C-alpha atoms as a PDB file:
ATOM      1  CA  MET A   1      -0.016  -0.207   0.105  1.00  0.00           C
ATOM      2  CA  ASP A   2       1.498   3.135  -0.974  1.00  0.00           C
ATOM      3  CA  ILE A   3      -0.299   6.397   0.617  1.00  0.00           C
ATOM      4  CA  THR A   4       2.558   8.196   0.245  1.00  0.00           C
ATOM      5  CA  GLU A   5       2.583   9.335  -3.577  1.00  0.00           C
ATOM      6  CA  GLN A   6       2.863  13.419  -3.420  1.00  0.00           C
ATOM      7  CA  ASP A   7       1.510  14.006  -6.669  1.00  0.00           C
ATOM      8  CA  GLN A   8      -1.516  12.104  -6.107  1.00  0.00           C
ATOM      9  CA  THR A   9      -4.842  14.006  -6.657  1.00  0.00           C
ATOM     10  CA  VAL A  10      -7.531  13.890  -3.897  1.00  0.00           C
ATOM     11  CA  LEU A  11     -11.139  14.881  -4.168  1.00  0.00           C
ATOM     12  CA  LEU A  12     -13.219  14.864  -1.163  1.00  0.00           C
ATOM     13  CA  MET A  13     -16.633  14.330  -1.394  1.00  0.00           C
ATOM     14  CA  LEU A  14     -18.478  17.625   0.153  1.00  0.00           C
ATOM     15  CA  GLY A  15     -21.261  16.620   2.334  1.00  0.00           C
ATOM     16  CA  PRO A  16     -22.118  13.203   4.520  1.00  0.00           C
ATOM     17  CA  THR A  17     -21.767  10.193   3.445  1.00  0.00           C
ATOM     18  CA  ASP A  18     -23.249   6.713   4.719  1.00  0.00           C
ATOM     19  CA  MET A  19     -20.428   5.158   6.376  1.00  0.00           C
ATOM     20  CA  ARG A  20     -22.393   2.109   6.169  1.00  0.00           C
ATOM     21  CA  LYS A  21     -21.142   1.944   2.636  1.00  0.00           C
ATOM     22  CA  SER A  22     -18.103   0.218   1.810  1.00  0.00           C
ATOM     23  CA  ILE A  23     -16.532  -0.364  -1.440  1.00  0.00           C
ATOM     24  CA  ASP A  24     -18.967  -0.957  -3.999  1.00  0.00           C
ATOM     25  CA  GLY A  25     -21.191   1.596  -2.996  1.00  0.00           C
ATOM     26  CA  LEU A  26     -18.445   4.354  -2.823  1.00  0.00           C
ATOM     27  CA  CYS A  27     -17.408   3.333  -6.078  1.00  0.00           C
ATOM     28  CA  ALA A  28     -21.162   4.228  -7.344  1.00  0.00           C
ATOM     29  CA  MET A  29     -20.978   7.653  -5.716  1.00  0.00           C
ATOM     30  CA  VAL A  30     -17.779   8.326  -7.507  1.00  0.00           C
ATOM     31  CA  LYS A  31     -19.360   7.426 -10.620  1.00  0.00           C
ATOM     32  CA  TYR A  32     -22.745   9.205 -10.174  1.00  0.00           C
ATOM     33  CA  PHE A  33     -22.107  12.339  -8.677  1.00  0.00           C
ATOM     34  CA  LEU A  34     -18.505  13.451  -9.563  1.00  0.00           C
ATOM     35  CA  ASP A  35     -18.278  11.699 -12.473  1.00  0.00           C
ATOM     36  CA  GLU A  36     -15.205  10.343 -12.088  1.00  0.00           C
ATOM     37  CA  GLU A  37     -13.595   7.303 -12.345  1.00  0.00           C
ATOM     38  CA  PRO A  38     -12.194   4.896  -9.670  1.00  0.00           C
ATOM     39  CA  VAL A  39     -10.129   2.966 -11.158  1.00  0.00           C
ATOM     40  CA  SER A  40      -7.389   5.990 -11.171  1.00  0.00           C
ATOM     41  CA  ASN A  41      -5.090   7.216  -9.011  1.00  0.00           C
ATOM     42  CA  LYS A  42      -6.734   9.631  -7.487  1.00  0.00           C
ATOM     43  CA  LEU A  43      -7.869   9.420  -3.712  1.00  0.00           C
ATOM     44  CA  PHE A  44     -11.361   9.511  -2.696  1.00  0.00           C
ATOM     45  CA  VAL A  45     -12.284  10.757   0.981  1.00  0.00           C
ATOM     46  CA  PHE A  46     -15.345  10.751   2.440  1.00  0.00           C
ATOM     47  CA  CYS A  47     -16.848  11.795   5.735  1.00  0.00           C
ATOM     48  CA  ASN A  48     -19.930  10.810   7.912  1.00  0.00           C
ATOM     49  CA  ARG A  49     -22.499  13.770   9.147  1.00  0.00           C
ATOM     50  CA  ALA A  50     -20.801  13.674  12.825  1.00  0.00           C
ATOM     51  CA  ARG A  51     -17.081  14.441  11.338  1.00  0.00           C
ATOM     52  CA  ASN A  52     -15.496  12.049  13.182  1.00  0.00           C
ATOM     53  CA  LYS A  53     -15.411   9.762  10.322  1.00  0.00           C
ATOM     54  CA  ILE A  54     -13.936   9.481   7.120  1.00  0.00           C
ATOM     55  CA  LYS A  55     -12.999   7.166   4.571  1.00  0.00           C
ATOM     56  CA  ILE A  56     -10.409   6.910   1.814  1.00  0.00           C
ATOM     57  CA  LEU A  57     -11.062   4.956  -1.637  1.00  0.00           C
ATOM     58  CA  GLN A  58      -8.036   4.106  -3.140  1.00  0.00           C
ATOM     59  CA  TRP A  59      -7.132   1.934  -6.428  1.00  0.00           C
ATOM     60  CA  SER A  60      -4.031   0.045  -6.630  1.00  0.00           C
ATOM     61  CA  THR A  61      -2.638  -1.900  -9.472  1.00  0.00           C
ATOM     62  CA  ASN A  62      -5.647  -4.896  -9.000  1.00  0.00           C
ATOM     63  CA  GLY A  63      -7.506  -4.169  -6.335  1.00  0.00           C
ATOM     64  CA  PHE A  64      -9.373  -1.587  -4.010  1.00  0.00           C
ATOM     65  CA  TRP A  65      -7.664  -0.326  -0.845  1.00  0.00           C
ATOM     66  CA  LEU A  66     -10.746   1.348   1.845  1.00  0.00           C
ATOM     67  CA  HIS A  67      -8.888   3.220   4.988  1.00  0.00           C
ATOM     68  CA  TYR A  68     -11.138   4.159   7.543  1.00  0.00           C
ATOM     69  CA  LYS A  69     -10.185   6.485  10.586  1.00  0.00           C
ATOM     70  CA  ARG A  70     -12.608   7.207  13.429  1.00  0.00           C
ATOM     71  CA  LEU A  71     -11.922   9.707  15.904  1.00  0.00           C
ATOM     72  CA  GLU A  72     -12.543   8.953  19.798  1.00  0.00           C
ATOM     73  CA  LYS A  73     -13.195  13.110  20.544  1.00  0.00           C
ATOM     74  CA  GLY A  74     -13.655  15.984  18.547  1.00  0.00           C
ATOM     75  CA  ARG A  75     -13.893  16.148  15.021  1.00  0.00           C
ATOM     76  CA  PHE A  76     -12.331  16.581  11.312  1.00  0.00           C
ATOM     77  CA  LYS A  77     -12.860  20.199  10.321  1.00  0.00           C
ATOM     78  CA  TRP A  78     -14.415  18.950   7.128  1.00  0.00           C
ATOM     79  CA  PRO A  79     -15.549  21.708   4.457  1.00  0.00           C
ATOM     80  CA  GLU A  80     -18.562  23.014   4.009  1.00  0.00           C
ATOM     81  CA  ALA A  81     -20.677  21.647   1.161  1.00  0.00           C
ATOM     82  CA  ASP A  82     -21.355  24.226  -1.615  1.00  0.00           C
ATOM     83  CA  ASP A  83     -22.525  24.050  -4.641  1.00  0.00           C
ATOM     84  CA  SER A  84     -20.014  21.404  -6.301  1.00  0.00           C
ATOM     85  CA  ALA A  85     -19.830  17.634  -4.770  1.00  0.00           C
ATOM     86  CA  SER A  86     -16.089  18.106  -4.475  1.00  0.00           C
ATOM     87  CA  GLN A  87     -13.251  19.815  -3.535  1.00  0.00           C
ATOM     88  CA  LEU A  88      -9.880  19.334  -5.016  1.00  0.00           C
ATOM     89  CA  ILE A  89      -7.185  19.436  -2.282  1.00  0.00           C
ATOM     90  CA  ASP A  90      -3.531  17.862  -2.267  1.00  0.00           C
ATOM     91  CA  ARG A  91      -1.904  15.480  -0.295  1.00  0.00           C
ATOM     92  CA  ARG A  92      -0.195  17.965   1.975  1.00  0.00           C
ATOM     93  CA  GLN A  93      -3.853  19.540   3.198  1.00  0.00           C
ATOM     94  CA  LEU A  94      -5.426  15.607   3.350  1.00  0.00           C
ATOM     95  CA  ASN A  95      -2.402  14.979   6.543  1.00  0.00           C
ATOM     96  CA  TRP A  96      -3.365  18.285   7.588  1.00  0.00           C
ATOM     97  CA  LEU A  97      -7.419  17.039   7.667  1.00  0.00           C
ATOM     98  CA  LEU A  98      -6.756  13.891   8.801  1.00  0.00           C
ATOM     99  CA  ASP A  99      -4.258  15.178  11.862  1.00  0.00           C
ATOM    100  CA  GLY A 100      -7.429  17.387  13.212  1.00  0.00           C
ATOM    101  CA  LEU A 101      -6.659  20.739  10.956  1.00  0.00           C
ATOM    102  CA  PRO A 102      -8.221  23.205   8.512  1.00  0.00           C
ATOM    103  CA  LEU A 103      -7.302  22.829   5.261  1.00  0.00           C
ATOM    104  CA  ILE A 104      -5.683  26.097   5.404  1.00  0.00           C
ATOM    105  CA  GLN A 105      -2.587  26.639   7.173  1.00  0.00           C
ATOM    106  CA  PRO A 106      -1.458  30.356   6.837  1.00  0.00           C
ATOM    107  CA  LYS A 107       1.574  29.806   9.159  1.00  0.00           C
ATOM    108  CA  ALA A 108       2.800  26.460   7.105  1.00  0.00           C
ATOM    109  CA  HIS A 109       5.877  26.546   5.037  1.00  0.00           C
ATOM    110  CA  LYS A 110       5.602  27.354   1.479  1.00  0.00           C
ATOM    111  CA  LYS A 111       6.068  24.315  -0.830  1.00  0.00           C
ATOM    112  CA  LEU A 112       9.588  24.977  -2.298  1.00  0.00           C
ATOM    113  CA  LYS A 113      10.103  24.152  -6.239  1.00  0.00           C
ATOM    114  CA  TYR A 114      13.582  22.163  -6.830  1.00  0.00           C
ATOM    115  CA  ILE A 115      15.798  24.586  -9.144  1.00  0.00           C
ATOM    116  CA  TYR A 116      18.380  21.884 -10.252  1.00  0.00           C
ATOM    117  CA  PHE A 117      21.865  23.735 -11.706  1.00  0.00           C
END
C-alpha cells in the first residue's frame, strides 16, 4: 500500500456520506456524483455527518484499498458543502485534515520548487 505519493490527486466528497457504504457503494458515488473513474490514481475521501469518521477509497494495481479513520474525541475540520459535489486538495492538505487541522494553514511553510543547476 502506497498512500504517500505526493503527486496523487485527492478529491473530497462534500456533504455527509453514509459510513455503512463499503467499496462498491463508494465506487457508485464516485461514478454517479463526481463523474469520475474509481479505478484511477486518485484518492476519494468521504466523511460522515458527525465529522468523526473518514473513509478513503484508493485503487492499487489490481484492487481497492479502503482506509478508515474514526476519531474518539473531536471532529474533522471538513469543508462545508457548496454548489459543487467535490473539492480538490493536495496530499499535504489531506494530512492536515487527518490530523484534525483545517485545510488552510496560513503559518505553514510554503512548498518549494526544486531548481537544479
